[in-house]
Structure formats: C-alpha cells, structure tokens
Amino acid sequence: MHRAIVASLAVLVLGLAPLKGASATVLPAPGAAAGNPAIYFVDGWWEQEHRSDASDRYWKLSPAKRKQYDRIQAAQNKRDAERRRIEDQNNRAVQDQHRLLGY
C-alpha cells in the first residue's frame, strides 16, 4: 500500500513539473535576427475611430474642409436613420408574422 501511494505521488509531481524542453521553440522567432520587435503596433480601425484628439483635429480643419466633413457626417446620419427605420419596419413585420402563426 505504501509503495502505491509513493508511486502515485511521484507520478503526480512529475506530471505537474514543467518540461523546459517541451515548451522550447524549435525555430527562432520571426524577425529576431533582424532586431525587430516581436509586437508590431498599427493603427487599426478601432484606433482610428476612437482617437482622443479627434475634436481638436476637427476644429483645426480649414472652413472648407470642415464643411466637407459636416456634409459627409450629415449623409451618414441620414443613412443611419433610414437604416433604423427599415429595421423597425422589418421587426414589426416579423412580429406580425409570428402573431399570425401563433408563436
């Protein structure tokens, strides 16, 4: 009985011990030889749309560019309102269909 406990504890300890050779990489990291960093920072869509200096940049635009920006924003707002109106109509239509089918 004593041997079984010692053997199971040994298996447990060896099983939980990290194996350095198993976790080591075989190939060097890409770009490591060239001295490049492992992480590349880019301005993706999230960073571009959520900049904290957007209002400052807006007010630094020339009046002509600001009018152009405002026209683009107004067109986007109009399309968003139209999209919401169509989605509301579609949702009401689906509710009517479900009501008719007895859902």
C-alpha atoms as a PDB file:
ATOM      1  CA  MET A   1       0.000   0.000   0.000  1.00  0.00           C
ATOM      2  CA  HIS A   2       2.816   2.342   0.924  1.00  0.00           C
ATOM      3  CA  ARG A   3       4.515   1.752  -2.453  1.00  0.00           C
ATOM      4  CA  ALA A   4       1.311   2.633  -4.313  1.00  0.00           C
ATOM      5  CA  ILE A   5       0.998   5.967  -2.507  1.00  0.00           C
ATOM      6  CA  VAL A   6       4.668   6.828  -3.106  1.00  0.00           C
ATOM      7  CA  ALA A   7       4.394   5.845  -6.771  1.00  0.00           C
ATOM      8  CA  SER A   8       1.238   7.870  -7.322  1.00  0.00           C
ATOM      9  CA  LEU A   9       2.776  10.907  -5.589  1.00  0.00           C
ATOM     10  CA  ALA A  10       5.871  10.579  -7.788  1.00  0.00           C
ATOM     11  CA  VAL A  11       3.725  10.429 -10.918  1.00  0.00           C
ATOM     12  CA  LEU A  12       1.735  13.431  -9.711  1.00  0.00           C
ATOM     13  CA  VAL A  13       4.846  15.507  -9.002  1.00  0.00           C
ATOM     14  CA  LEU A  14       6.493  14.579 -12.281  1.00  0.00           C
ATOM     15  CA  GLY A  15       3.288  15.192 -14.180  1.00  0.00           C
ATOM     16  CA  LEU A  16       2.884  18.692 -12.785  1.00  0.00           C
ATOM     17  CA  ALA A  17       6.524  19.674 -13.219  1.00  0.00           C
ATOM     18  CA  PRO A  18       7.082  21.882 -16.275  1.00  0.00           C
ATOM     19  CA  LEU A  19       9.184  20.372 -19.001  1.00  0.00           C
ATOM     20  CA  LYS A  20      11.544  23.008 -20.291  1.00  0.00           C
ATOM     21  CA  GLY A  21      12.411  21.079 -23.429  1.00  0.00           C
ATOM     22  CA  ALA A  22       8.778  20.572 -24.393  1.00  0.00           C
ATOM     23  CA  SER A  23       7.966  24.257 -24.287  1.00  0.00           C
ATOM     24  CA  ALA A  24      11.069  25.499 -26.072  1.00  0.00           C
ATOM     25  CA  THR A  25      10.631  26.619 -29.654  1.00  0.00           C
ATOM     26  CA  VAL A  26      12.486  24.846 -32.403  1.00  0.00           C
ATOM     27  CA  LEU A  27      12.709  27.838 -34.737  1.00  0.00           C
ATOM     28  CA  PRO A  28      13.816  31.345 -33.809  1.00  0.00           C
ATOM     29  CA  ALA A  29      11.147  33.993 -33.610  1.00  0.00           C
ATOM     30  CA  PRO A  30      10.468  35.720 -36.937  1.00  0.00           C
ATOM     31  CA  GLY A  31      12.382  38.948 -37.148  1.00  0.00           C
ATOM     32  CA  ALA A  32      14.547  38.098 -34.139  1.00  0.00           C
ATOM     33  CA  ALA A  33      17.722  38.023 -36.211  1.00  0.00           C
ATOM     34  CA  ALA A  34      16.952  41.418 -37.725  1.00  0.00           C
ATOM     35  CA  GLY A  35      16.364  43.005 -34.317  1.00  0.00           C
ATOM     36  CA  ASN A  36      12.688  43.708 -34.996  1.00  0.00           C
ATOM     37  CA  PRO A  37      10.301  43.798 -32.046  1.00  0.00           C
ATOM     38  CA  ALA A  38       8.003  40.838 -31.540  1.00  0.00           C
ATOM     39  CA  ILE A  39       4.943  43.095 -31.392  1.00  0.00           C
ATOM     40  CA  TYR A  40       4.014  45.489 -34.170  1.00  0.00           C
ATOM     41  CA  PHE A  41       1.744  48.383 -33.255  1.00  0.00           C
ATOM     42  CA  VAL A  42      -0.563  49.546 -36.017  1.00  0.00           C
ATOM     43  CA  ASP A  43      -3.423  51.983 -36.191  1.00  0.00           C
ATOM     44  CA  GLY A  44      -6.353  49.700 -36.931  1.00  0.00           C
ATOM     45  CA  TRP A  45      -9.963  50.776 -37.371  1.00  0.00           C
ATOM     46  CA  TRP A  46     -10.571  50.893 -33.603  1.00  0.00           C
ATOM     47  CA  GLU A  47      -7.635  53.209 -33.022  1.00  0.00           C
ATOM     48  CA  GLN A  48      -8.591  55.407 -35.950  1.00  0.00           C
ATOM     49  CA  GLU A  49     -12.236  55.764 -34.892  1.00  0.00           C
ATOM     50  CA  HIS A  50     -11.582  56.230 -31.170  1.00  0.00           C
ATOM     51  CA  ARG A  51      -8.838  58.812 -31.147  1.00  0.00           C
ATOM     52  CA  SER A  52      -8.941  61.156 -28.209  1.00  0.00           C
ATOM     53  CA  ASP A  53      -7.717  64.086 -30.315  1.00  0.00           C
ATOM     54  CA  ALA A  54     -10.496  63.894 -32.925  1.00  0.00           C
ATOM     55  CA  SER A  55     -12.270  67.042 -31.703  1.00  0.00           C
ATOM     56  CA  ASP A  56      -9.023  69.016 -31.756  1.00  0.00           C
ATOM     57  CA  ARG A  57      -8.315  67.844 -35.282  1.00  0.00           C
ATOM     58  CA  TYR A  58     -11.850  68.803 -36.366  1.00  0.00           C
ATOM     59  CA  TRP A  59     -11.504  72.367 -35.124  1.00  0.00           C
ATOM     60  CA  LYS A  60      -8.091  72.704 -36.802  1.00  0.00           C
ATOM     61  CA  LEU A  61      -9.622  71.965 -40.232  1.00  0.00           C
ATOM     62  CA  SER A  62      -9.998  74.817 -42.657  1.00  0.00           C
ATOM     63  CA  PRO A  63     -13.584  76.093 -43.038  1.00  0.00           C
ATOM     64  CA  ALA A  64     -13.927  74.422 -46.456  1.00  0.00           C
ATOM     65  CA  LYS A  65     -12.693  71.071 -45.132  1.00  0.00           C
ATOM     66  CA  ARG A  66     -14.952  71.413 -42.064  1.00  0.00           C
ATOM     67  CA  LYS A  67     -17.991  71.946 -44.335  1.00  0.00           C
ATOM     68  CA  GLN A  68     -16.997  68.889 -46.357  1.00  0.00           C
ATOM     69  CA  TYR A  69     -16.647  66.869 -43.139  1.00  0.00           C
ATOM     70  CA  ASP A  70     -20.040  68.086 -41.927  1.00  0.00           C
ATOM     71  CA  ARG A  71     -21.684  67.118 -45.243  1.00  0.00           C
ATOM     72  CA  ILE A  72     -20.202  63.621 -45.019  1.00  0.00           C
ATOM     73  CA  GLN A  73     -21.383  63.295 -41.405  1.00  0.00           C
ATOM     74  CA  ALA A  74     -24.883  64.521 -42.299  1.00  0.00           C
ATOM     75  CA  ALA A  75     -25.105  61.930 -45.090  1.00  0.00           C
ATOM     76  CA  GLN A  76     -24.013  59.210 -42.657  1.00  0.00           C
ATOM     77  CA  ASN A  77     -26.592  60.336 -40.111  1.00  0.00           C
ATOM     78  CA  LYS A  78     -29.303  60.274 -42.777  1.00  0.00           C
ATOM     79  CA  ARG A  79     -28.340  56.732 -43.846  1.00  0.00           C
ATOM     80  CA  ASP A  80     -28.280  55.583 -40.217  1.00  0.00           C
ATOM     81  CA  ALA A  81     -31.762  56.997 -39.624  1.00  0.00           C
ATOM     82  CA  GLU A  82     -33.042  55.277 -42.776  1.00  0.00           C
ATOM     83  CA  ARG A  83     -31.439  52.009 -41.712  1.00  0.00           C
ATOM     84  CA  ARG A  84     -33.098  52.225 -38.270  1.00  0.00           C
ATOM     85  CA  ARG A  85     -36.465  52.978 -39.895  1.00  0.00           C
ATOM     86  CA  ILE A  86     -36.165  49.950 -42.203  1.00  0.00           C
ATOM     87  CA  GLU A  87     -35.051  47.709 -39.327  1.00  0.00           C
ATOM     88  CA  ASP A  88     -38.048  48.841 -37.283  1.00  0.00           C
ATOM     89  CA  GLN A  89     -40.384  48.032 -40.178  1.00  0.00           C
ATOM     90  CA  ASN A  90     -38.787  44.621 -40.600  1.00  0.00           C
ATOM     91  CA  ASN A  91     -39.062  43.885 -36.875  1.00  0.00           C
ATOM     92  CA  ARG A  92     -42.754  44.818 -36.872  1.00  0.00           C
ATOM     93  CA  ALA A  93     -43.330  42.620 -39.941  1.00  0.00           C
ATOM     94  CA  VAL A  94     -41.635  39.657 -38.254  1.00  0.00           C
ATOM     95  CA  GLN A  95     -43.725  40.214 -35.119  1.00  0.00           C
ATOM     96  CA  ASP A  96     -46.887  40.255 -37.247  1.00  0.00           C
ATOM     97  CA  GLN A  97     -45.829  37.020 -38.932  1.00  0.00           C
ATOM     98  CA  HIS A  98     -45.161  35.396 -35.563  1.00  0.00           C
ATOM     99  CA  ARG A  99     -48.509  36.610 -34.259  1.00  0.00           C
ATOM    100  CA  LEU A 100     -50.290  35.156 -37.292  1.00  0.00           C
ATOM    101  CA  LEU A 101     -48.511  31.821 -36.867  1.00  0.00           C
ATOM    102  CA  GLY A 102     -49.340  31.726 -33.194  1.00  0.00           C
ATOM    103  CA  TYR A 103     -45.797  31.968 -31.830  1.00  0.00           C
END
